[in-house]
Amino acid sequence: MASLFIGRDLNWRRWMGLAVALLTMSANQGCGSNSHSSATTPPQINNETLKRGLGGEPASMDPGEATDTFSFEVIRDLYEGLTTESQDGKVVPGVAASWTVNASGTQYTFKLRHDARWSNGTRVRAEDFVKAWRRVVDPTRASPVADTLRPVAGAAAIIAGRLSPTTLGVIAAQDDLLIVNLDQPAPYFPQLLTHSATFPVYSEETAKSHDPKNWISNGPYMLTSWTPGSSIKLRRNPWYWDRGNVRIPNVEYVPITDESDEYRQYRAGQLDVTQSVPSAALDSIRKERPRELIVAPFLATAYYAINLRSPYFATNLNLRKALALAIDRKALESTILPFGQRPAYGFVPPGTWNYGSQSWEWRNLPDSERIQEARKLYALAGYSLHKQLRLRVLFNSNSSIKQVAIAISSMWKQVLGIETVFVDEEFRVFLESRRDSSRWDLARIGWTADYNDAGNFLDTLRSSSPNNDARYERPEFNELLDRAATTADPSARRLILEAAEKMMLSDYPIIPIYFFSSKRLIKPYVIGVKANPLNRLYSKYLSIDAH
């Protein structure tokens, strides 16, 4: 565990100016080291291999276990579900060539492609989905993505241990015919099937193995090597049903936690695509590489989960609210969030399908009144400058995440007098630590939509959800989500979900900070990139023009 203590005299405005200057200097130094050589000797374009930056080491390549963005990014190249997405995020047929839904919206029938194959040449069958889905909801496995299948008939009771996984509402009627029964209509269900939790697996052994010799998957690519901390190499799957349209033979993912280092490698020609862009280099990038910078909003929220098992927070609503009020989100937006990220005063992002954004009632307070209210609540919570609070903030190692964390901690120090200790951990270690609430008081979490629906965000705060890091428990909130799940009328369902978010926000189990925007650098010779509302970039749609 690496930790950083924030000193008591740090002024957050002064810090942000200094931090931006230092980061800009660092980014520019990184740029300068390659500028001469790249101008005189352009790197050779390799149209056989696409090199992609990845913001961290994937935790798992098992579709039934993966929970992190970095794993998902690679898994979408290796596997394919019943449905998939076009470049711009529209749901299109995947392993299923077509599907129908009954009049009540509760039964889907999927017709599987006859040419859908595993990477060893055997046919992908309906039974492969049945086994994979039962595996995910099996409570003895405690899959962290089991909730994804909650709309399927019986899933909730199976996950809770009340029914056998064999009772799940999914039936292999024939090798090429899969019938899925839902507990209630779910108009977003075809898009939910693009989530890796719904992907088929060849066997338990191949799903859990990361050894390329044992690797069997059904997507456009297959695994050829995985060297942790160095690279993940894929090659085109010769049995993939649409292999004729997969134009790039090889893909190499390079895990790089530091955005400035990723940018240096991009400038040096060692990467064709980055996963992110350092904020400090934004001005120079816009001047030097305007056609290579792709920025677009997408459905994701950065927030602090408050540890409701901590004695500080368990019964102290005033303290939780004071922390939320003391953050100057507009200052974050104008100084260290320059890529179109928007201040978040609610959890579900704007632009989510069939939803009206919710927010705290104080979002438009003038700064002076906001700070005054934060200090009043802090005093009511039992703290003062003479009775100081010291909080541990957990996050995964990333320069931008740390930059925001330092700024927020400085605001808490200046407004409330709170001391902060950072628990800054490598991504895979962080994934373990976030489950251990004894190690932190607040954890920085980023939730990216699995599908375009408000329920996908709010369901993470169900009492039973494995993603409920805050350990939020309110029966009335769970009941509203249950009602929404059984409501077929979209307008009525929308109102129920909005009421659920409003209720949750009034309890302050989390502190939303900002809504994401995607930001990538992509070489001009990489063709086929389009903005996607879920920030998904499938390698199979890309090509390299070496001319």
Protein backbone atom coordinates (compact mmCIF):
# COMPACT_ATOMS: atom_id res chain seq x y z
CA MET A 1 0.00 0.00 0.00
CA ALA A 2 1.32 3.40 -1.00
CA SER A 3 -0.06 6.34 0.92
CA LEU A 4 0.27 10.10 0.73
CA PHE A 5 -0.53 12.44 3.62
CA ILE A 6 -2.03 15.82 2.75
CA GLY A 7 -0.54 18.58 4.87
CA ARG A 8 -2.77 20.89 6.84
CA ASP A 9 -1.77 24.18 5.21
CA LEU A 10 -2.33 23.21 1.59
CA ASN A 11 -4.58 25.63 -0.31
CA TRP A 12 -6.45 23.76 -3.05
CA ARG A 13 -6.51 26.64 -5.56
CA ARG A 14 -2.76 27.14 -5.20
CA TRP A 15 -2.23 23.39 -5.46
CA MET A 16 -4.25 23.06 -8.67
CA GLY A 17 -2.31 25.81 -10.37
CA LEU A 18 0.97 24.23 -9.32
CA ALA A 19 -0.16 20.71 -10.23
CA VAL A 20 -1.31 21.72 -13.70
CA ALA A 21 1.99 23.52 -14.28
CA LEU A 22 4.06 20.53 -13.14
CA LEU A 23 2.03 18.06 -15.14
CA THR A 24 2.22 20.25 -18.23
CA MET A 25 6.00 20.46 -17.80
CA SER A 26 6.18 16.69 -17.44
CA ALA A 27 3.98 16.08 -20.47
CA ASN A 28 5.90 18.58 -22.58
CA GLN A 29 9.21 17.04 -21.59
CA GLY A 30 7.84 13.69 -22.66
CA CYS A 31 6.73 15.20 -25.96
CA GLY A 32 10.02 16.90 -26.57
CA SER A 33 12.03 13.74 -26.16
CA ASN A 34 10.43 12.35 -29.31
CA SER A 35 9.65 15.43 -31.34
CA HIS A 36 12.94 15.63 -33.27
CA SER A 37 13.20 11.96 -34.13
CA SER A 38 9.55 11.69 -35.16
CA ALA A 39 9.93 14.72 -37.45
CA THR A 40 13.04 13.37 -39.23
CA THR A 41 12.39 9.61 -39.15
CA PRO A 42 8.70 8.75 -39.17
CA PRO A 43 7.96 5.37 -37.56
CA GLN A 44 7.26 2.48 -39.91
CA ILE A 45 3.55 1.70 -40.04
CA ASN A 46 2.83 -1.95 -39.31
CA ASN A 47 -0.45 -2.90 -40.94
CA GLU A 48 -0.24 -6.42 -39.48
CA THR A 49 -0.52 -5.41 -35.81
CA LEU A 50 -2.66 -2.83 -34.02
CA LYS A 51 -1.02 -1.62 -30.81
CA ARG A 52 -3.47 -0.36 -28.19
CA GLY A 53 -2.76 1.29 -24.88
CA LEU A 54 -4.64 -0.10 -21.89
CA GLY A 55 -5.01 1.89 -18.67
CA GLY A 56 -4.19 -1.04 -16.38
CA GLU A 57 -3.64 -4.77 -16.13
CA PRO A 58 -6.83 -6.81 -16.73
CA ALA A 59 -7.90 -8.71 -13.63
CA SER A 60 -9.39 -11.63 -15.56
CA MET A 61 -10.21 -12.86 -19.05
CA ASP A 62 -13.04 -15.00 -17.70
CA PRO A 63 -16.35 -13.50 -18.91
CA GLY A 64 -18.03 -14.77 -15.77
CA GLU A 65 -15.53 -13.10 -13.44
CA ALA A 66 -14.33 -9.88 -15.08
CA THR A 67 -15.59 -6.65 -13.51
CA ASP A 68 -13.12 -4.00 -14.67
CA THR A 69 -12.90 -1.82 -17.76
CA PHE A 70 -9.50 -3.14 -18.80
CA SER A 71 -10.66 -6.76 -18.77
CA PHE A 72 -13.82 -5.86 -20.68
CA GLU A 73 -11.80 -4.08 -23.37
CA VAL A 74 -9.83 -7.22 -24.20
CA ILE A 75 -12.66 -9.72 -23.65
CA ARG A 76 -14.79 -7.98 -26.30
CA ASP A 77 -12.10 -8.86 -28.83
CA LEU A 78 -11.88 -12.47 -27.63
CA TYR A 79 -15.54 -13.40 -27.17
CA GLU A 80 -18.91 -12.59 -28.68
CA GLY A 81 -22.41 -12.84 -27.23
CA LEU A 82 -25.80 -13.36 -28.83
CA THR A 83 -25.75 -9.70 -29.81
CA THR A 84 -22.91 -7.28 -30.38
CA GLU A 85 -22.59 -3.60 -31.30
CA SER A 86 -21.85 -1.60 -34.41
CA GLN A 87 -19.03 0.93 -34.31
CA ASP A 88 -21.40 3.62 -33.04
CA GLY A 89 -23.06 1.47 -30.38
CA LYS A 90 -26.19 0.17 -32.11
CA VAL A 91 -27.19 -3.39 -31.19
CA VAL A 92 -26.59 -5.81 -34.08
CA PRO A 93 -26.63 -9.60 -34.42
CA GLY A 94 -23.68 -11.50 -32.98
CA VAL A 95 -23.74 -15.27 -32.49
CA ALA A 96 -27.51 -14.95 -32.94
CA ALA A 97 -28.33 -14.25 -36.57
CA SER A 98 -31.79 -13.05 -35.53
CA TRP A 99 -34.26 -13.01 -32.65
CA THR A 100 -37.93 -12.48 -31.90
CA VAL A 101 -39.77 -11.38 -28.77
CA ASN A 102 -43.31 -12.31 -27.76
CA ALA A 103 -46.16 -9.84 -27.28
CA SER A 104 -45.63 -9.52 -23.51
CA GLY A 105 -41.91 -8.79 -23.95
CA THR A 106 -40.97 -11.62 -21.60
CA GLN A 107 -39.73 -14.31 -23.99
CA TYR A 108 -36.91 -13.97 -26.51
CA THR A 109 -36.11 -16.64 -29.10
CA PHE A 110 -32.63 -16.50 -30.62
CA LYS A 111 -31.68 -18.24 -33.85
CA LEU A 112 -27.93 -19.01 -33.73
CA ARG A 113 -25.67 -18.84 -36.76
CA HIS A 114 -24.72 -22.19 -38.28
CA ASP A 115 -21.22 -20.84 -38.95
CA ALA A 116 -20.58 -19.54 -35.41
CA ARG A 117 -17.48 -21.44 -34.28
CA TRP A 118 -15.12 -21.70 -31.35
CA SER A 119 -11.46 -21.05 -32.08
CA ASN A 120 -10.84 -24.83 -32.19
CA GLY A 121 -13.38 -25.17 -35.01
CA THR A 122 -16.28 -26.70 -33.08
CA ARG A 123 -19.72 -25.17 -33.39
CA VAL A 124 -21.09 -22.68 -30.85
CA ARG A 125 -24.33 -24.23 -29.59
CA ALA A 126 -27.28 -22.94 -27.61
CA GLU A 127 -26.27 -25.21 -24.74
CA ASP A 128 -22.99 -23.26 -24.42
CA PHE A 129 -25.02 -20.21 -23.40
CA VAL A 130 -27.16 -22.20 -20.99
CA LYS A 131 -24.08 -23.56 -19.19
CA ALA A 132 -22.34 -20.18 -19.15
CA TRP A 133 -25.34 -18.33 -17.71
CA ARG A 134 -26.00 -20.97 -15.07
CA ARG A 135 -22.34 -20.70 -14.13
CA VAL A 136 -22.63 -16.93 -13.63
CA VAL A 137 -25.74 -17.02 -11.41
CA ASP A 138 -24.60 -20.02 -9.34
CA PRO A 139 -24.35 -18.62 -5.77
CA THR A 140 -21.55 -21.04 -4.88
CA ARG A 141 -19.36 -19.22 -7.37
CA ALA A 142 -20.32 -15.74 -6.10
CA SER A 143 -19.71 -14.24 -9.54
CA PRO A 144 -19.34 -10.45 -9.24
CA VAL A 145 -21.30 -10.01 -12.50
CA ALA A 146 -24.25 -12.27 -11.58
CA ASP A 147 -26.59 -9.26 -11.26
CA THR A 148 -26.24 -8.64 -14.99
CA LEU A 149 -28.49 -11.65 -15.59
CA ARG A 150 -31.08 -10.58 -13.01
CA PRO A 151 -33.82 -9.95 -15.67
CA VAL A 152 -33.75 -13.65 -16.66
CA ALA A 153 -36.54 -15.67 -15.03
CA GLY A 154 -35.43 -17.15 -11.72
CA ALA A 155 -32.05 -15.39 -11.65
CA ALA A 156 -32.72 -13.30 -8.53
CA ALA A 157 -33.88 -16.33 -6.52
CA ILE A 158 -30.94 -18.40 -7.76
CA ILE A 159 -28.41 -15.72 -6.85
CA ALA A 160 -30.01 -15.52 -3.39
CA GLY A 161 -29.62 -19.30 -3.00
CA ARG A 162 -33.34 -20.09 -3.03
CA LEU A 163 -33.39 -22.02 -6.33
CA SER A 164 -31.03 -24.28 -8.25
CA PRO A 165 -29.12 -22.77 -11.22
CA THR A 166 -30.78 -25.42 -13.39
CA THR A 167 -34.09 -23.54 -12.99
CA LEU A 168 -32.78 -20.44 -14.77
CA GLY A 169 -35.15 -19.36 -17.55
CA VAL A 170 -32.87 -20.22 -20.46
CA ILE A 171 -33.52 -23.25 -22.68
CA ALA A 172 -31.53 -24.81 -25.50
CA ALA A 173 -34.48 -25.97 -27.64
CA GLN A 174 -32.10 -27.02 -30.42
CA ASP A 175 -28.40 -26.57 -31.12
CA ASP A 176 -29.26 -23.38 -32.98
CA LEU A 177 -32.29 -22.23 -30.97
CA LEU A 178 -32.08 -20.53 -27.57
CA ILE A 179 -35.18 -19.47 -25.65
CA VAL A 180 -34.83 -16.92 -22.84
CA ASN A 181 -37.68 -16.21 -20.43
CA LEU A 182 -37.64 -12.99 -18.39
CA ASP A 183 -39.36 -12.24 -15.10
CA GLN A 184 -40.70 -9.03 -16.63
CA PRO A 185 -40.25 -7.01 -19.83
CA ALA A 186 -36.80 -5.51 -20.27
CA PRO A 187 -36.67 -3.42 -23.46
CA TYR A 188 -32.91 -3.00 -23.03
CA PHE A 189 -32.33 -6.78 -22.97
CA PRO A 190 -30.72 -7.07 -26.46
CA GLN A 191 -28.15 -4.46 -25.43
CA LEU A 192 -27.58 -6.13 -22.06
CA LEU A 193 -26.47 -9.18 -24.08
CA THR A 194 -23.42 -7.25 -25.30
CA HIS A 195 -22.05 -7.43 -21.73
CA SER A 196 -19.36 -10.06 -21.23
CA ALA A 197 -21.27 -11.70 -18.36
CA THR A 198 -23.64 -13.10 -21.00
CA PHE A 199 -20.94 -14.49 -23.29
CA PRO A 200 -20.65 -18.25 -23.80
CA VAL A 201 -17.66 -20.20 -22.51
CA TYR A 202 -16.30 -23.40 -24.02
CA SER A 203 -15.61 -25.00 -20.65
CA GLU A 204 -14.78 -24.10 -17.06
CA GLU A 205 -11.13 -24.94 -17.72
CA THR A 206 -10.72 -22.78 -20.81
CA ALA A 207 -12.60 -19.86 -19.26
CA LYS A 208 -10.32 -19.74 -16.24
CA SER A 209 -7.09 -20.55 -18.07
CA HIS A 210 -4.98 -17.69 -19.37
CA ASP A 211 -2.54 -20.06 -21.05
CA PRO A 212 -2.74 -19.55 -24.85
CA LYS A 213 -2.14 -23.29 -25.34
CA ASN A 214 -5.48 -23.99 -23.65
CA TRP A 215 -7.30 -20.93 -24.94
CA ILE A 216 -10.62 -21.37 -26.71
CA SER A 217 -12.92 -18.43 -27.42
CA ASN A 218 -15.49 -17.51 -30.07
CA GLY A 219 -14.76 -13.87 -30.88
CA PRO A 220 -12.88 -12.22 -33.73
CA TYR A 221 -9.53 -12.77 -31.98
CA MET A 222 -7.86 -15.42 -29.85
CA LEU A 223 -5.20 -15.10 -27.16
CA THR A 224 -1.60 -15.84 -28.16
CA SER A 225 0.30 -14.51 -25.11
CA TRP A 226 -0.22 -12.61 -21.89
CA THR A 227 2.84 -11.21 -20.13
CA PRO A 228 1.55 -9.33 -17.04
CA GLY A 229 2.82 -5.76 -16.93
CA SER A 230 4.07 -5.96 -20.49
CA SER A 231 1.60 -6.99 -23.19
CA ILE A 232 -1.42 -9.03 -24.19
CA LYS A 233 -1.20 -10.36 -27.74
CA LEU A 234 -4.10 -11.56 -29.86
CA ARG A 235 -4.37 -12.95 -33.36
CA ARG A 236 -7.31 -13.23 -35.70
CA ASN A 237 -9.55 -16.21 -35.02
CA PRO A 238 -9.55 -18.29 -38.24
CA TRP A 239 -12.94 -19.80 -37.29
CA TYR A 240 -14.81 -16.58 -36.48
CA TRP A 241 -18.01 -16.41 -38.52
CA ASP A 242 -17.29 -12.89 -39.84
CA ARG A 243 -13.51 -13.36 -40.22
CA GLY A 244 -13.59 -11.94 -43.76
CA ASN A 245 -14.37 -8.50 -42.32
CA VAL A 246 -11.72 -8.63 -39.56
CA ARG A 247 -9.00 -6.72 -41.33
CA ILE A 248 -6.18 -6.47 -38.78
CA PRO A 249 -4.40 -9.83 -38.25
CA ASN A 250 -2.94 -9.07 -34.80
CA VAL A 251 -3.76 -6.87 -31.82
CA GLU A 252 -1.39 -6.08 -28.98
CA TYR A 253 -2.62 -4.43 -25.77
CA VAL A 254 0.01 -2.64 -23.69
CA PRO A 255 -1.03 -1.97 -20.05
CA ILE A 256 0.19 1.51 -19.05
CA THR A 257 -1.13 3.08 -15.85
CA ASP A 258 0.50 6.48 -16.39
CA GLU A 259 -1.24 8.58 -19.05
CA SER A 260 1.86 10.69 -19.72
CA ASP A 261 3.89 7.54 -20.35
CA GLU A 262 1.16 6.28 -22.69
CA TYR A 263 1.29 9.58 -24.57
CA ARG A 264 5.09 9.38 -24.88
CA GLN A 265 4.80 5.91 -26.36
CA TYR A 266 2.11 7.12 -28.76
CA ARG A 267 4.32 9.98 -29.94
CA ALA A 268 7.24 7.62 -30.39
CA GLY A 269 5.15 5.42 -32.69
CA GLN A 270 4.98 2.55 -30.19
CA LEU A 271 1.17 2.77 -29.92
CA ASP A 272 -1.51 3.30 -32.55
CA VAL A 273 -4.38 3.92 -30.11
CA THR A 274 -4.37 5.24 -26.54
CA GLN A 275 -7.02 4.54 -23.95
CA SER A 276 -6.72 8.02 -22.46
CA VAL A 277 -4.92 11.34 -22.79
CA PRO A 278 -3.04 13.32 -20.11
CA SER A 279 -4.94 16.49 -19.22
CA ALA A 280 -1.75 18.53 -19.05
CA ALA A 281 -0.94 17.85 -22.71
CA LEU A 282 -4.39 18.86 -23.98
CA ASP A 283 -3.44 22.29 -25.35
CA SER A 284 -0.43 20.98 -27.27
CA ILE A 285 -2.40 18.01 -28.58
CA ARG A 286 -5.18 20.24 -29.87
CA LYS A 287 -2.60 22.36 -31.70
CA GLU A 288 -0.36 19.59 -33.00
CA ARG A 289 -2.73 16.63 -33.47
CA PRO A 290 -6.32 17.92 -33.77
CA ARG A 291 -7.35 15.13 -36.17
CA GLU A 292 -5.98 12.43 -33.86
CA LEU A 293 -7.83 13.51 -30.72
CA ILE A 294 -11.25 11.87 -30.23
CA VAL A 295 -13.32 13.28 -27.34
CA ALA A 296 -16.96 12.36 -26.68
CA PRO A 297 -19.28 12.07 -23.65
CA PHE A 298 -20.25 8.58 -22.58
CA LEU A 299 -22.35 6.98 -19.87
CA ALA A 300 -20.09 6.75 -16.84
CA THR A 301 -19.80 8.39 -13.43
CA ALA A 302 -16.82 8.94 -11.12
CA TYR A 303 -17.79 8.93 -7.46
CA TYR A 304 -16.60 8.27 -3.93
CA ALA A 305 -18.27 5.34 -2.20
CA ILE A 306 -18.65 6.14 1.49
CA ASN A 307 -17.91 3.23 3.80
CA LEU A 308 -21.19 2.97 5.71
CA ARG A 309 -19.64 0.33 7.98
CA SER A 310 -17.15 2.89 9.23
CA PRO A 311 -17.96 4.34 12.68
CA TYR A 312 -17.45 7.79 11.16
CA PHE A 313 -20.26 7.42 8.63
CA ALA A 314 -22.66 4.64 9.64
CA THR A 315 -25.17 6.91 11.38
CA ASN A 316 -23.77 10.33 10.56
CA LEU A 317 -25.72 11.78 7.63
CA ASN A 318 -24.52 15.31 8.45
CA LEU A 319 -20.89 14.27 7.95
CA ARG A 320 -21.61 12.53 4.65
CA LYS A 321 -23.49 15.55 3.34
CA ALA A 322 -20.79 17.96 4.54
CA LEU A 323 -18.16 16.09 2.52
CA ALA A 324 -20.31 16.30 -0.62
CA LEU A 325 -20.98 20.03 -0.15
CA ALA A 326 -17.33 20.90 0.43
CA ILE A 327 -16.26 19.78 -3.08
CA ASP A 328 -16.13 22.62 -5.60
CA ARG A 329 -16.99 20.64 -8.74
CA LYS A 330 -17.06 23.71 -10.99
CA ALA A 331 -13.47 24.47 -10.03
CA LEU A 332 -12.50 20.89 -10.86
CA GLU A 333 -14.21 21.24 -14.24
CA SER A 334 -12.45 24.48 -15.11
CA THR A 335 -8.96 23.48 -13.98
CA ILE A 336 -8.16 19.78 -14.03
CA LEU A 337 -11.05 18.19 -15.96
CA PRO A 338 -10.58 19.79 -19.38
CA PHE A 339 -11.90 16.99 -21.61
CA GLY A 340 -15.60 17.68 -21.38
CA GLN A 341 -16.20 15.93 -18.06
CA ARG A 342 -19.22 17.49 -16.40
CA PRO A 343 -19.74 18.11 -12.66
CA ALA A 344 -21.93 15.39 -11.13
CA TYR A 345 -24.53 16.22 -8.49
CA GLY A 346 -26.36 12.95 -9.15
CA PHE A 347 -25.47 9.41 -10.10
CA VAL A 348 -27.17 8.56 -13.42
CA PRO A 349 -25.50 10.48 -16.29
CA PRO A 350 -27.38 12.91 -18.54
CA GLY A 351 -28.34 11.34 -21.85
CA THR A 352 -29.30 8.00 -20.35
CA TRP A 353 -32.20 6.47 -22.27
CA ASN A 354 -35.72 7.24 -20.95
CA TYR A 355 -34.51 9.15 -17.91
CA GLY A 356 -34.48 12.62 -16.38
CA SER A 357 -31.29 13.48 -14.51
CA GLN A 358 -31.61 13.84 -10.74
CA SER A 359 -29.42 16.01 -8.52
CA TRP A 360 -28.97 17.33 -5.01
CA GLU A 361 -31.20 20.30 -4.20
CA TRP A 362 -28.20 22.49 -3.36
CA ARG A 363 -26.39 22.14 -6.68
CA ASN A 364 -26.98 25.80 -7.66
CA LEU A 365 -26.07 27.35 -4.30
CA PRO A 366 -23.51 30.17 -4.48
CA ASP A 367 -20.09 29.02 -3.29
CA SER A 368 -20.24 31.04 -0.09
CA GLU A 369 -23.58 29.48 0.93
CA ARG A 370 -22.43 25.99 -0.06
CA ILE A 371 -19.31 26.29 2.09
CA GLN A 372 -21.28 27.79 4.99
CA GLU A 373 -23.74 24.86 4.88
CA ALA A 374 -20.88 22.33 4.73
CA ARG A 375 -19.25 23.84 7.84
CA LYS A 376 -22.57 23.94 9.71
CA LEU A 377 -23.25 20.26 9.01
CA TYR A 378 -19.67 19.33 9.91
CA ALA A 379 -20.13 20.97 13.30
CA LEU A 380 -23.48 19.20 13.78
CA ALA A 381 -21.68 15.96 12.96
CA GLY A 382 -19.48 16.54 15.99
CA TYR A 383 -16.29 17.81 14.38
CA SER A 384 -14.43 21.11 14.21
CA LEU A 385 -10.98 22.53 13.54
CA HIS A 386 -10.11 21.47 17.07
CA LYS A 387 -11.59 17.98 16.72
CA GLN A 388 -10.22 16.98 13.35
CA LEU A 389 -11.15 14.01 11.23
CA ARG A 390 -8.61 11.85 9.38
CA LEU A 391 -9.94 9.85 6.45
CA ARG A 392 -8.42 7.14 4.23
CA VAL A 393 -9.23 7.48 0.51
CA LEU A 394 -8.66 4.42 -1.67
CA PHE A 395 -8.10 4.62 -5.43
CA ASN A 396 -6.26 2.79 -8.20
CA SER A 397 -2.94 4.19 -9.37
CA ASN A 398 -3.59 6.70 -12.13
CA SER A 399 -2.24 10.22 -12.48
CA SER A 400 -5.58 11.85 -13.36
CA ILE A 401 -7.46 10.06 -10.57
CA LYS A 402 -4.77 11.07 -8.11
CA GLN A 403 -4.81 14.66 -9.33
CA VAL A 404 -8.55 14.95 -8.66
CA ALA A 405 -8.17 13.18 -5.30
CA ILE A 406 -5.50 15.64 -4.16
CA ALA A 407 -7.66 18.60 -5.19
CA ILE A 408 -10.72 17.24 -3.34
CA SER A 409 -8.66 16.46 -0.25
CA SER A 410 -7.32 20.00 -0.30
CA MET A 411 -10.87 21.36 -0.50
CA TRP A 412 -11.87 19.22 2.48
CA LYS A 413 -8.85 20.53 4.36
CA GLN A 414 -9.54 24.17 3.60
CA VAL A 415 -13.31 24.07 4.15
CA LEU A 416 -13.55 21.56 7.00
CA GLY A 417 -10.07 20.97 8.35
CA ILE A 418 -10.06 17.25 7.42
CA GLU A 419 -6.76 15.38 7.10
CA THR A 420 -6.53 12.80 4.34
CA VAL A 421 -4.43 9.69 3.78
CA PHE A 422 -4.31 8.25 0.26
CA VAL A 423 -4.32 4.49 -0.29
CA ASP A 424 -2.94 4.43 -3.83
CA GLU A 425 -2.80 0.87 -5.22
CA GLU A 426 -2.07 -0.97 -8.45
CA PHE A 427 -5.34 -1.79 -10.18
CA ARG A 428 -5.62 -5.49 -9.42
CA VAL A 429 -4.71 -4.89 -5.77
CA PHE A 430 -7.28 -2.09 -5.67
CA LEU A 431 -9.99 -4.47 -6.88
CA GLU A 432 -9.31 -6.66 -3.86
CA SER A 433 -9.06 -3.75 -1.42
CA ARG A 434 -12.38 -2.20 -2.45
CA ARG A 435 -14.06 -5.38 -1.16
CA ASP A 436 -12.31 -5.04 2.22
CA SER A 437 -14.07 -2.13 3.93
CA SER A 438 -11.63 -2.23 6.85
CA ARG A 439 -8.97 -0.68 4.61
CA TRP A 440 -10.68 2.56 3.62
CA ASP A 441 -13.20 5.22 4.54
CA LEU A 442 -13.91 6.40 1.00
CA ALA A 443 -13.14 4.62 -2.27
CA ARG A 444 -12.97 6.29 -5.65
CA ILE A 445 -15.07 4.23 -8.08
CA GLY A 446 -15.84 4.74 -11.75
CA TRP A 447 -19.02 3.06 -12.97
CA THR A 448 -19.41 2.67 -16.73
CA ALA A 449 -22.80 1.61 -18.06
CA ASP A 450 -23.08 -2.01 -19.13
CA TYR A 451 -26.14 -1.02 -21.15
CA ASN A 452 -28.00 2.24 -21.73
CA ASP A 453 -30.51 2.23 -18.88
CA ALA A 454 -30.76 4.04 -15.54
CA GLY A 455 -31.37 0.76 -13.74
CA ASN A 456 -27.84 -0.34 -14.60
CA PHE A 457 -26.50 2.46 -12.39
CA LEU A 458 -29.02 2.28 -9.57
CA ASP A 459 -28.90 -1.52 -9.30
CA THR A 460 -25.27 -1.25 -8.17
CA LEU A 461 -26.57 0.17 -4.88
CA ARG A 462 -29.02 -2.62 -4.12
CA SER A 463 -28.34 -4.15 -0.72
CA SER A 464 -27.40 -7.46 -2.38
CA SER A 465 -25.29 -6.08 -5.22
CA PRO A 466 -21.60 -7.10 -5.26
CA ASN A 467 -20.90 -3.61 -6.63
CA ASN A 468 -22.44 -1.91 -3.58
CA ASP A 469 -19.06 -0.84 -2.17
CA ALA A 470 -20.72 1.63 0.20
CA ARG A 471 -22.80 -1.19 1.77
CA TYR A 472 -25.89 0.97 1.33
CA GLU A 473 -29.01 -0.68 2.73
CA ARG A 474 -32.45 0.88 2.54
CA PRO A 475 -35.46 -1.42 1.99
CA GLU A 476 -37.55 1.34 0.42
CA PHE A 477 -34.86 1.92 -2.22
CA ASN A 478 -34.72 -1.81 -3.02
CA GLU A 479 -38.51 -1.91 -3.27
CA LEU A 480 -38.56 0.94 -5.78
CA LEU A 481 -36.00 -0.89 -7.94
CA ASP A 482 -38.10 -4.05 -7.70
CA ARG A 483 -41.19 -2.10 -8.79
CA ALA A 484 -39.31 -0.60 -11.72
CA ALA A 485 -38.16 -4.07 -12.76
CA THR A 486 -41.77 -5.28 -12.99
CA THR A 487 -43.15 -2.18 -14.73
CA ALA A 488 -43.59 -2.58 -18.47
CA ASP A 489 -44.70 0.99 -19.24
CA PRO A 490 -41.53 3.04 -19.96
CA SER A 491 -42.97 6.32 -18.64
CA ALA A 492 -44.09 4.78 -15.34
CA ARG A 493 -40.80 2.93 -14.98
CA ARG A 494 -38.91 6.16 -15.54
CA LEU A 495 -40.75 7.92 -12.70
CA ILE A 496 -40.05 5.03 -10.32
CA LEU A 497 -36.34 5.01 -11.10
CA GLU A 498 -36.12 8.79 -10.74
CA ALA A 499 -37.77 8.50 -7.30
CA ALA A 500 -35.28 5.79 -6.35
CA GLU A 501 -32.29 7.94 -7.27
CA LYS A 502 -33.72 10.94 -5.44
CA MET A 503 -34.18 8.79 -2.31
CA MET A 504 -30.64 7.41 -2.55
CA LEU A 505 -29.10 10.85 -3.04
CA SER A 506 -30.84 12.09 0.12
CA ASP A 507 -29.02 9.36 2.09
CA TYR A 508 -25.54 10.25 0.73
CA PRO A 509 -24.07 6.72 0.50
CA ILE A 510 -21.94 7.96 -2.40
CA ILE A 511 -20.50 11.30 -3.50
CA PRO A 512 -20.72 11.73 -7.29
CA ILE A 513 -17.88 13.87 -8.62
CA TYR A 514 -18.09 14.05 -12.42
CA PHE A 515 -19.56 12.42 -15.52
CA PHE A 516 -17.02 11.01 -17.91
CA SER A 517 -16.02 11.84 -21.42
CA SER A 518 -13.92 9.47 -23.49
CA LYS A 519 -10.61 10.75 -24.77
CA ARG A 520 -8.31 8.83 -27.07
CA LEU A 521 -5.51 9.52 -29.49
CA ILE A 522 -5.77 7.49 -32.67
CA LYS A 523 -3.25 7.54 -35.49
CA PRO A 524 -4.58 8.91 -38.81
CA TYR A 525 -3.88 5.60 -40.53
CA VAL A 526 -6.27 3.71 -38.18
CA ILE A 527 -9.61 3.65 -40.00
CA GLY A 528 -13.11 2.86 -38.70
CA VAL A 529 -13.30 4.73 -35.39
CA LYS A 530 -16.68 6.14 -34.32
CA ALA A 531 -17.93 7.62 -31.04
CA ASN A 532 -19.76 5.06 -28.90
CA PRO A 533 -22.06 6.04 -25.98
CA LEU A 534 -20.56 3.23 -23.89
CA ASN A 535 -16.97 4.06 -24.98
CA ARG A 536 -16.44 0.69 -26.62
CA LEU A 537 -13.86 0.37 -29.38
CA TYR A 538 -13.94 -3.03 -31.06
CA SER A 539 -10.72 -3.97 -32.87
CA LYS A 540 -12.68 -6.02 -35.43
CA TYR A 541 -14.10 -2.85 -37.00
CA LEU A 542 -10.72 -1.17 -37.48
CA SER A 543 -8.25 -1.31 -40.32
CA ILE A 544 -4.81 0.15 -40.96
CA ASP A 545 -4.12 2.16 -44.09
CA ALA A 546 -0.34 2.03 -44.48
CA HIS A 547 -0.30 4.23 -47.61
